[in-house]
Amino acid sequence: MRHNKKGISPLIATVLVIGFTIVLGALVFKWGGDLFKKTTEETGKSSDLKMTCTQGLSMLEVKLEDIKDGTTSAKALVIDNKNNIKIQGFKFRAYFPDGTSSTVTLAKRQISGMGYSTIIPTELDKRSIDAYGISSDLVIIKGTAPAIAPADFAKIGILPILDVDGDGTPEPPCENEFVAEI
């Protein structure tokens, strides 16, 4: 009597199951390794940013100085970076006398016309000083239109923006804030 063999042999089935298991295991290990690597890189970058913001910017000085231009008196926001870290820019926060605050952009009125130009600097190198006159020409942009005059707030908070890993992409602003009283 002749048997009709229409299935695969148990040996071939076992080899196929083992092969699929190995491939599946390799995929899981690759995915797990990539996930672990990505998580450790993000955690490392986050901790580097926090360390740089707290310890690396320890010598950043922020103050308001009285300045006089002829008969006009105003205040100058002076940011003195005495650290070995390049600051990419700043996020500003205005604090009002009632204790509330708002994230704002400082802007200066352009000489011609009624437009406003942002004065957030690009790159503040070691030991460079950037001063901005806080006078009637300086306003705070909240959204798309000027909203607040400098006399309306009690102090300015400055949050530095850094590029910790040097890839040219700024990180989120530092959590520690440098405050200048008006």
N, C-alpha and C. Protein backbone atom coordinates (compact mmCIF):
# COMPACT_ATOMS: atom_id res chain seq x y z
N MET A 1 0.81 -1.16 0.00
CA MET A 1 0.00 0.00 0.00
C MET A 1 0.87 1.25 0.00
N ARG A 2 0.46 2.11 -0.83
CA ARG A 2 1.22 3.33 -1.01
C ARG A 2 0.54 4.49 -0.29
N HIS A 3 1.36 5.25 0.46
CA HIS A 3 0.82 6.43 1.15
C HIS A 3 1.09 7.67 0.33
N ASN A 4 0.11 8.49 0.25
CA ASN A 4 0.27 9.77 -0.44
C ASN A 4 0.82 10.78 0.58
N LYS A 5 2.05 11.24 0.40
CA LYS A 5 2.65 12.19 1.33
C LYS A 5 2.40 13.60 0.82
N LYS A 6 1.50 14.31 1.47
CA LYS A 6 1.17 15.66 1.04
C LYS A 6 1.63 16.71 2.06
N GLY A 7 2.20 16.38 3.13
CA GLY A 7 2.67 17.32 4.15
C GLY A 7 4.18 17.46 4.10
N ILE A 8 4.68 18.31 4.99
CA ILE A 8 6.12 18.45 5.07
C ILE A 8 6.62 17.55 6.18
N SER A 9 7.83 17.17 6.07
CA SER A 9 8.36 16.24 7.06
C SER A 9 8.55 16.95 8.39
N PRO A 10 8.50 16.23 9.49
CA PRO A 10 8.69 16.83 10.81
C PRO A 10 10.05 17.52 10.94
N LEU A 11 11.05 17.01 10.27
CA LEU A 11 12.39 17.61 10.35
C LEU A 11 12.39 19.00 9.70
N ILE A 12 11.78 19.12 8.54
CA ILE A 12 11.71 20.42 7.85
C ILE A 12 10.87 21.39 8.67
N ALA A 13 9.78 20.94 9.24
CA ALA A 13 8.92 21.79 10.07
C ALA A 13 9.69 22.30 11.28
N THR A 14 10.46 21.45 11.90
CA THR A 14 11.26 21.85 13.06
C THR A 14 12.30 22.89 12.67
N VAL A 15 12.96 22.69 11.55
CA VAL A 15 13.97 23.65 11.07
C VAL A 15 13.31 25.00 10.78
N LEU A 16 12.14 24.99 10.15
CA LEU A 16 11.44 26.24 9.87
C LEU A 16 11.03 26.97 11.15
N VAL A 17 10.50 26.23 12.12
CA VAL A 17 10.10 26.85 13.39
C VAL A 17 11.31 27.45 14.09
N ILE A 18 12.42 26.73 14.12
CA ILE A 18 13.64 27.26 14.75
C ILE A 18 14.13 28.50 14.00
N GLY A 19 14.08 28.47 12.68
CA GLY A 19 14.51 29.62 11.87
C GLY A 19 13.65 30.85 12.14
N PHE A 20 12.33 30.67 12.15
CA PHE A 20 11.43 31.79 12.45
C PHE A 20 11.68 32.33 13.86
N THR A 21 11.91 31.45 14.80
CA THR A 21 12.18 31.86 16.18
C THR A 21 13.45 32.69 16.26
N ILE A 22 14.49 32.26 15.57
CA ILE A 22 15.76 33.00 15.58
C ILE A 22 15.57 34.39 14.95
N VAL A 23 14.89 34.45 13.82
CA VAL A 23 14.65 35.74 13.15
C VAL A 23 13.82 36.66 14.05
N LEU A 24 12.77 36.13 14.64
CA LEU A 24 11.93 36.91 15.54
C LEU A 24 12.72 37.40 16.75
N GLY A 25 13.53 36.52 17.32
CA GLY A 25 14.38 36.91 18.45
C GLY A 25 15.36 38.01 18.07
N ALA A 26 15.96 37.90 16.88
CA ALA A 26 16.90 38.93 16.42
C ALA A 26 16.20 40.27 16.26
N LEU A 27 14.98 40.27 15.71
CA LEU A 27 14.23 41.51 15.56
C LEU A 27 13.90 42.14 16.91
N VAL A 28 13.50 41.31 17.87
CA VAL A 28 13.19 41.82 19.21
C VAL A 28 14.44 42.40 19.86
N PHE A 29 15.57 41.70 19.74
CA PHE A 29 16.82 42.21 20.32
C PHE A 29 17.24 43.52 19.66
N LYS A 30 17.10 43.61 18.35
CA LYS A 30 17.46 44.85 17.64
C LYS A 30 16.56 46.00 18.10
N TRP A 31 15.26 45.76 18.16
CA TRP A 31 14.33 46.79 18.60
C TRP A 31 14.63 47.21 20.05
N GLY A 32 14.85 46.24 20.92
CA GLY A 32 15.17 46.53 22.32
C GLY A 32 16.47 47.30 22.46
N GLY A 33 17.47 46.92 21.68
CA GLY A 33 18.75 47.63 21.71
C GLY A 33 18.62 49.07 21.24
N ASP A 34 17.87 49.26 20.15
CA ASP A 34 17.65 50.62 19.64
C ASP A 34 16.88 51.47 20.65
N LEU A 35 15.86 50.88 21.26
CA LEU A 35 15.08 51.59 22.27
C LEU A 35 15.95 51.97 23.46
N PHE A 36 16.78 51.03 23.92
CA PHE A 36 17.68 51.29 25.05
C PHE A 36 18.67 52.40 24.70
N LYS A 37 19.25 52.33 23.50
CA LYS A 37 20.22 53.33 23.07
C LYS A 37 19.57 54.72 22.98
N LYS A 38 18.38 54.78 22.40
CA LYS A 38 17.67 56.06 22.26
C LYS A 38 17.33 56.64 23.63
N THR A 39 16.86 55.79 24.54
CA THR A 39 16.50 56.24 25.88
C THR A 39 17.71 56.76 26.63
N THR A 40 18.83 56.05 26.55
CA THR A 40 20.03 56.50 27.26
C THR A 40 20.58 57.79 26.66
N GLU A 41 20.51 57.93 25.33
CA GLU A 41 20.97 59.17 24.69
C GLU A 41 20.12 60.36 25.11
N GLU A 42 18.79 60.17 25.13
CA GLU A 42 17.89 61.26 25.52
C GLU A 42 18.09 61.62 26.99
N THR A 43 18.25 60.62 27.84
CA THR A 43 18.47 60.87 29.25
C THR A 43 19.80 61.58 29.46
N GLY A 44 20.83 61.13 28.74
CA GLY A 44 22.14 61.77 28.84
C GLY A 44 22.10 63.21 28.38
N LYS A 45 21.40 63.47 27.28
CA LYS A 45 21.29 64.83 26.75
C LYS A 45 20.53 65.72 27.74
N SER A 46 19.46 65.18 28.31
CA SER A 46 18.67 65.94 29.28
C SER A 46 19.50 66.26 30.53
N SER A 47 20.25 65.27 31.02
CA SER A 47 21.07 65.52 32.21
C SER A 47 22.22 66.46 31.90
N ASP A 48 22.80 66.36 30.69
CA ASP A 48 23.85 67.31 30.28
C ASP A 48 23.30 68.74 30.26
N LEU A 49 22.09 68.90 29.72
CA LEU A 49 21.47 70.23 29.67
C LEU A 49 21.25 70.77 31.07
N LYS A 50 20.72 69.94 31.97
CA LYS A 50 20.46 70.39 33.34
C LYS A 50 21.75 70.75 34.05
N MET A 51 22.80 69.93 33.87
CA MET A 51 24.10 70.22 34.51
C MET A 51 24.68 71.51 33.96
N THR A 52 24.62 71.67 32.64
CA THR A 52 25.16 72.88 32.02
C THR A 52 24.39 74.11 32.47
N CYS A 53 23.08 73.99 32.55
CA CYS A 53 22.25 75.13 32.97
C CYS A 53 22.53 75.52 34.42
N THR A 54 22.74 74.54 35.29
CA THR A 54 22.93 74.87 36.71
C THR A 54 24.38 75.20 37.04
N GLN A 55 25.31 74.36 36.61
CA GLN A 55 26.71 74.58 36.96
C GLN A 55 27.46 75.39 35.91
N GLY A 56 27.17 75.15 34.65
CA GLY A 56 27.91 75.79 33.57
C GLY A 56 27.61 77.27 33.40
N LEU A 57 26.45 77.70 33.86
CA LEU A 57 26.07 79.12 33.74
C LEU A 57 26.16 79.84 35.08
N SER A 58 26.98 79.32 35.98
CA SER A 58 27.05 79.90 37.32
C SER A 58 27.58 81.33 37.32
N MET A 59 28.30 81.72 36.28
CA MET A 59 28.87 83.06 36.24
C MET A 59 28.13 83.99 35.27
N LEU A 60 26.89 83.66 34.94
CA LEU A 60 26.08 84.53 34.08
C LEU A 60 25.48 85.63 34.95
N GLU A 61 25.71 86.87 34.58
CA GLU A 61 25.18 87.99 35.35
C GLU A 61 24.13 88.73 34.52
N VAL A 62 23.02 89.00 35.15
CA VAL A 62 21.93 89.74 34.51
C VAL A 62 21.58 90.91 35.42
N LYS A 63 21.59 92.10 34.85
CA LYS A 63 21.25 93.27 35.67
C LYS A 63 20.69 94.38 34.79
N LEU A 64 19.99 95.28 35.42
CA LEU A 64 19.49 96.48 34.75
C LEU A 64 20.34 97.65 35.22
N GLU A 65 20.84 98.41 34.27
CA GLU A 65 21.65 99.58 34.60
C GLU A 65 20.96 100.83 34.07
N ASP A 66 21.08 101.90 34.84
CA ASP A 66 20.56 103.19 34.37
C ASP A 66 21.50 103.74 33.31
N ILE A 67 20.94 104.19 32.20
CA ILE A 67 21.75 104.81 31.16
C ILE A 67 21.13 106.15 30.80
N LYS A 68 21.95 107.04 30.30
CA LYS A 68 21.47 108.35 29.88
C LYS A 68 21.98 108.64 28.50
N ASP A 69 21.07 109.01 27.63
CA ASP A 69 21.43 109.40 26.27
C ASP A 69 21.01 110.86 26.12
N GLY A 70 21.92 111.75 26.40
CA GLY A 70 21.56 113.17 26.40
C GLY A 70 20.67 113.48 27.57
N THR A 71 19.44 113.89 27.30
CA THR A 71 18.50 114.19 28.37
C THR A 71 17.56 113.02 28.64
N THR A 72 17.62 112.00 27.80
CA THR A 72 16.75 110.84 27.95
C THR A 72 17.41 109.82 28.87
N SER A 73 16.70 109.43 29.92
CA SER A 73 17.22 108.36 30.78
C SER A 73 16.42 107.10 30.53
N ALA A 74 17.10 105.99 30.64
CA ALA A 74 16.45 104.69 30.40
C ALA A 74 17.19 103.64 31.20
N LYS A 75 16.80 102.42 31.01
CA LYS A 75 17.48 101.29 31.65
C LYS A 75 18.04 100.42 30.55
N ALA A 76 19.16 99.79 30.82
CA ALA A 76 19.76 98.84 29.88
C ALA A 76 19.79 97.47 30.54
N LEU A 77 19.28 96.49 29.84
CA LEU A 77 19.35 95.11 30.31
C LEU A 77 20.71 94.59 29.87
N VAL A 78 21.57 94.28 30.84
CA VAL A 78 22.92 93.83 30.55
C VAL A 78 23.04 92.36 30.92
N ILE A 79 23.44 91.56 29.95
CA ILE A 79 23.64 90.13 30.17
C ILE A 79 25.12 89.87 29.95
N ASP A 80 25.82 89.50 31.01
CA ASP A 80 27.27 89.30 30.94
C ASP A 80 27.56 87.81 31.11
N ASN A 81 28.01 87.19 30.06
CA ASN A 81 28.31 85.75 30.08
C ASN A 81 29.80 85.55 30.32
N LYS A 82 30.16 85.18 31.55
CA LYS A 82 31.57 84.97 31.91
C LYS A 82 31.91 83.48 31.91
N ASN A 83 31.08 82.68 31.30
CA ASN A 83 31.27 81.23 31.27
C ASN A 83 31.95 80.81 29.98
N ASN A 84 32.31 79.56 29.89
CA ASN A 84 32.90 78.99 28.67
C ASN A 84 31.84 78.38 27.78
N ILE A 85 30.61 78.82 27.91
CA ILE A 85 29.49 78.23 27.18
C ILE A 85 28.86 79.29 26.30
N LYS A 86 28.63 78.94 25.05
CA LYS A 86 27.97 79.87 24.13
C LYS A 86 26.46 79.78 24.34
N ILE A 87 25.84 80.93 24.50
CA ILE A 87 24.39 80.99 24.67
C ILE A 87 23.78 81.30 23.31
N GLN A 88 22.83 80.46 22.89
CA GLN A 88 22.22 80.62 21.56
C GLN A 88 21.15 81.71 21.52
N GLY A 89 20.51 81.95 22.63
CA GLY A 89 19.44 82.94 22.68
C GLY A 89 18.81 82.96 24.06
N PHE A 90 17.71 83.65 24.19
CA PHE A 90 17.04 83.79 25.48
C PHE A 90 15.53 83.71 25.32
N LYS A 91 14.90 83.23 26.38
CA LYS A 91 13.45 83.31 26.50
C LYS A 91 13.22 84.29 27.64
N PHE A 92 12.35 85.25 27.43
CA PHE A 92 12.12 86.28 28.43
C PHE A 92 10.76 86.09 29.08
N ARG A 93 10.69 86.41 30.38
CA ARG A 93 9.44 86.34 31.11
C ARG A 93 9.26 87.65 31.86
N ALA A 94 8.14 88.31 31.66
CA ALA A 94 7.85 89.56 32.36
C ALA A 94 7.05 89.24 33.61
N TYR A 95 7.47 89.81 34.75
CA TYR A 95 6.76 89.66 36.01
C TYR A 95 6.08 90.98 36.33
N PHE A 96 4.79 90.91 36.63
CA PHE A 96 4.00 92.10 36.88
C PHE A 96 3.92 92.36 38.38
N PRO A 97 3.59 93.59 38.78
CA PRO A 97 3.52 93.92 40.20
C PRO A 97 2.55 93.06 41.00
N ASP A 98 1.50 92.53 40.35
CA ASP A 98 0.53 91.70 41.08
C ASP A 98 1.00 90.25 41.26
N GLY A 99 2.22 89.93 40.81
CA GLY A 99 2.77 88.59 41.00
C GLY A 99 2.59 87.66 39.82
N THR A 100 1.79 88.02 38.84
CA THR A 100 1.61 87.17 37.67
C THR A 100 2.78 87.36 36.71
N SER A 101 2.92 86.41 35.79
CA SER A 101 4.00 86.51 34.80
C SER A 101 3.50 86.06 33.44
N SER A 102 4.25 86.42 32.42
CA SER A 102 3.90 86.06 31.06
C SER A 102 5.18 85.91 30.25
N THR A 103 5.27 84.84 29.45
CA THR A 103 6.40 84.67 28.55
C THR A 103 6.26 85.67 27.42
N VAL A 104 7.32 86.41 27.16
CA VAL A 104 7.25 87.51 26.20
C VAL A 104 8.48 87.53 25.31
N THR A 105 8.42 88.34 24.29
CA THR A 105 9.56 88.62 23.43
C THR A 105 9.86 90.11 23.54
N LEU A 106 11.11 90.43 23.82
CA LEU A 106 11.47 91.84 23.85
C LEU A 106 11.69 92.30 22.42
N ALA A 107 11.22 93.48 22.09
CA ALA A 107 11.38 94.00 20.74
C ALA A 107 11.65 95.49 20.79
N LYS A 108 12.31 95.99 19.78
CA LYS A 108 12.62 97.41 19.71
C LYS A 108 11.94 98.00 18.48
N ARG A 109 11.36 99.17 18.64
CA ARG A 109 10.68 99.83 17.53
C ARG A 109 11.70 100.18 16.46
N GLN A 110 11.37 99.88 15.23
CA GLN A 110 12.27 100.22 14.13
C GLN A 110 12.23 101.72 13.89
N ILE A 111 13.35 102.24 13.43
CA ILE A 111 13.45 103.69 13.22
C ILE A 111 12.42 104.18 12.21
N SER A 112 12.33 103.52 11.07
CA SER A 112 11.37 103.96 10.05
C SER A 112 10.11 103.12 10.14
N GLY A 113 8.99 103.75 10.16
CA GLY A 113 7.72 103.02 10.20
C GLY A 113 7.34 102.63 11.60
N MET A 114 6.27 101.89 11.70
CA MET A 114 5.76 101.48 13.00
C MET A 114 6.04 100.02 13.32
N GLY A 115 6.89 99.37 12.52
CA GLY A 115 7.17 97.96 12.75
C GLY A 115 8.04 97.73 13.98
N TYR A 116 8.12 96.49 14.40
CA TYR A 116 8.92 96.13 15.56
C TYR A 116 9.86 95.00 15.16
N SER A 117 11.07 95.05 15.67
CA SER A 117 12.02 93.97 15.38
C SER A 117 12.45 93.32 16.68
N THR A 118 12.56 92.02 16.68
CA THR A 118 12.93 91.27 17.87
C THR A 118 14.38 91.55 18.21
N ILE A 119 14.69 91.59 19.50
CA ILE A 119 16.07 91.82 19.90
C ILE A 119 16.65 90.64 20.66
N ILE A 120 16.11 89.46 20.44
CA ILE A 120 16.73 88.28 21.04
C ILE A 120 18.03 88.04 20.30
N PRO A 121 19.16 88.01 21.00
CA PRO A 121 20.44 87.89 20.31
C PRO A 121 20.67 86.48 19.78
N THR A 122 21.54 86.41 18.81
CA THR A 122 21.98 85.10 18.36
C THR A 122 23.41 84.93 18.84
N GLU A 123 23.63 83.95 19.63
CA GLU A 123 24.93 83.56 20.15
C GLU A 123 25.60 84.64 21.00
N LEU A 124 25.65 84.37 22.28
CA LEU A 124 26.35 85.23 23.23
C LEU A 124 27.59 84.48 23.68
N ASP A 125 28.74 84.84 23.11
CA ASP A 125 29.99 84.15 23.41
C ASP A 125 30.51 84.49 24.79
N LYS A 126 31.57 83.78 25.17
CA LYS A 126 32.22 84.01 26.45
C LYS A 126 32.62 85.48 26.58
N ARG A 127 32.27 86.04 27.71
CA ARG A 127 32.63 87.40 28.11
C ARG A 127 32.13 88.51 27.19
N SER A 128 31.15 88.23 26.38
CA SER A 128 30.57 89.32 25.58
C SER A 128 29.39 89.91 26.33
N ILE A 129 29.17 91.17 26.15
CA ILE A 129 28.09 91.86 26.84
C ILE A 129 27.13 92.42 25.80
N ASP A 130 25.88 92.09 25.93
CA ASP A 130 24.85 92.65 25.06
C ASP A 130 23.95 93.50 25.93
N ALA A 131 23.74 94.74 25.56
CA ALA A 131 22.87 95.63 26.33
C ALA A 131 21.72 96.08 25.46
N TYR A 132 20.55 96.14 26.05
CA TYR A 132 19.35 96.59 25.34
C TYR A 132 18.74 97.72 26.14
N GLY A 133 18.53 98.85 25.51
CA GLY A 133 17.92 99.98 26.20
C GLY A 133 16.45 99.73 26.46
N ILE A 134 16.05 99.83 27.70
CA ILE A 134 14.63 99.70 28.04
C ILE A 134 14.10 101.12 28.20
N SER A 135 13.57 101.65 27.15
CA SER A 135 13.06 103.02 27.15
C SER A 135 11.68 102.99 26.50
N SER A 136 11.21 104.14 26.10
CA SER A 136 9.89 104.18 25.48
C SER A 136 9.88 103.47 24.13
N ASP A 137 11.06 103.26 23.55
CA ASP A 137 11.13 102.56 22.27
C ASP A 137 11.06 101.05 22.41
N LEU A 138 11.22 100.55 23.62
CA LEU A 138 11.23 99.10 23.82
C LEU A 138 9.85 98.65 24.27
N VAL A 139 9.34 97.64 23.63
CA VAL A 139 8.03 97.11 24.00
C VAL A 139 8.14 95.61 24.16
N ILE A 140 7.07 95.05 24.65
CA ILE A 140 7.01 93.61 24.79
C ILE A 140 5.99 93.09 23.81
N ILE A 141 6.39 92.11 23.04
CA ILE A 141 5.48 91.52 22.06
C ILE A 141 4.84 90.30 22.69
N LYS A 142 3.53 90.29 22.72
CA LYS A 142 2.79 89.16 23.26
C LYS A 142 1.85 88.73 22.15
N GLY A 143 2.17 87.66 21.47
CA GLY A 143 1.41 87.29 20.30
C GLY A 143 1.97 88.03 19.10
N THR A 144 1.14 88.79 18.40
CA THR A 144 1.62 89.49 17.21
C THR A 144 1.66 91.00 17.37
N ALA A 145 1.14 91.53 18.46
CA ALA A 145 1.09 92.99 18.60
C ALA A 145 1.74 93.42 19.91
N PRO A 146 2.30 94.63 19.94
CA PRO A 146 2.86 95.14 21.19
C PRO A 146 1.77 95.22 22.25
N ALA A 147 2.07 94.76 23.45
CA ALA A 147 1.04 94.69 24.47
C ALA A 147 1.40 95.40 25.76
N ILE A 148 2.66 95.41 26.12
CA ILE A 148 3.03 95.87 27.46
C ILE A 148 4.19 96.84 27.35
N ALA A 149 4.11 97.95 28.04
CA ALA A 149 5.25 98.86 28.12
C ALA A 149 6.15 98.42 29.26
N PRO A 150 7.45 98.73 29.23
CA PRO A 150 8.35 98.30 30.29
C PRO A 150 7.93 98.75 31.68
N ALA A 151 7.24 99.89 31.76
CA ALA A 151 6.80 100.39 33.07
C ALA A 151 5.74 99.49 33.69
N ASP A 152 5.14 98.62 32.89
CA ASP A 152 4.06 97.77 33.39
C ASP A 152 4.54 96.55 34.17
N PHE A 153 5.83 96.24 34.14
CA PHE A 153 6.27 95.05 34.87
C PHE A 153 7.34 95.37 35.90
N ALA A 154 7.47 94.49 36.89
CA ALA A 154 8.35 94.72 38.02
C ALA A 154 9.74 94.14 37.82
N LYS A 155 9.85 93.05 37.10
CA LYS A 155 11.15 92.44 36.84
C LYS A 155 11.10 91.62 35.57
N ILE A 156 12.27 91.31 35.04
CA ILE A 156 12.38 90.49 33.83
C ILE A 156 13.15 89.23 34.19
N GLY A 157 12.59 88.09 33.83
CA GLY A 157 13.28 86.82 34.00
C GLY A 157 13.88 86.38 32.68
N ILE A 158 15.10 85.88 32.72
CA ILE A 158 15.79 85.46 31.51
C ILE A 158 16.11 83.97 31.61
N LEU A 159 15.69 83.21 30.61
CA LEU A 159 15.97 81.78 30.53
C LEU A 159 16.90 81.56 29.34
N PRO A 160 18.17 81.21 29.58
CA PRO A 160 19.11 81.00 28.47
C PRO A 160 18.74 79.78 27.63
N ILE A 161 19.04 79.88 26.34
CA ILE A 161 18.84 78.77 25.41
C ILE A 161 20.22 78.34 24.93
N LEU A 162 20.55 77.07 25.12
CA LEU A 162 21.88 76.55 24.80
C LEU A 162 21.82 75.49 23.70
N ASP A 163 22.98 75.18 23.15
CA ASP A 163 23.15 74.04 22.24
C ASP A 163 24.20 73.15 22.90
N VAL A 164 23.75 72.25 23.77
CA VAL A 164 24.65 71.44 24.59
C VAL A 164 25.45 70.45 23.75
N ASP A 165 24.80 69.78 22.82
CA ASP A 165 25.49 68.73 22.06
C ASP A 165 26.22 69.25 20.82
N GLY A 166 26.12 70.54 20.54
CA GLY A 166 26.86 71.13 19.44
C GLY A 166 26.37 70.77 18.06
N ASP A 167 25.12 70.33 17.94
CA ASP A 167 24.59 69.95 16.62
C ASP A 167 23.95 71.13 15.89
N GLY A 168 24.00 72.31 16.48
CA GLY A 168 23.43 73.49 15.84
C GLY A 168 21.96 73.70 16.13
N THR A 169 21.34 72.75 16.82
CA THR A 169 19.93 72.86 17.17
C THR A 169 19.81 73.27 18.64
N PRO A 170 19.21 74.42 18.93
CA PRO A 170 19.08 74.83 20.33
C PRO A 170 18.20 73.87 21.12
N GLU A 171 18.58 73.68 22.37
CA GLU A 171 17.80 72.84 23.28
C GLU A 171 16.65 73.69 23.84
N PRO A 172 15.73 73.06 24.57
CA PRO A 172 14.70 73.86 25.25
C PRO A 172 15.37 74.82 26.24
N PRO A 173 14.73 75.93 26.58
CA PRO A 173 15.35 76.88 27.51
C PRO A 173 15.68 76.24 28.85
N CYS A 174 16.71 76.75 29.50
CA CYS A 174 17.09 76.26 30.84
C CYS A 174 15.93 76.51 31.80
N GLU A 175 15.86 75.67 32.82
CA GLU A 175 14.81 75.83 33.82
C GLU A 175 15.17 76.88 34.86
N ASN A 176 16.48 77.03 35.13
CA ASN A 176 16.87 78.04 36.11
C ASN A 176 16.83 79.41 35.46
N GLU A 177 16.23 80.34 36.18
CA GLU A 177 15.94 81.66 35.63
C GLU A 177 16.83 82.71 36.29
N PHE A 178 17.32 83.62 35.49
CA PHE A 178 18.09 84.75 35.98
C PHE A 178 17.17 85.96 35.94
N VAL A 179 17.06 86.67 37.07
CA VAL A 179 16.06 87.73 37.18
C VAL A 179 16.74 89.08 37.36
N ALA A 180 16.22 90.07 36.65
CA ALA A 180 16.67 91.46 36.80
C ALA A 180 15.49 92.28 37.30
N GLU A 181 15.68 92.91 38.45
CA GLU A 181 14.63 93.76 39.04
C GLU A 181 14.61 95.11 38.33
N ILE A 182 13.43 95.65 38.12
CA ILE A 182 13.33 96.98 37.49
C ILE A 182 13.26 98.04 38.56
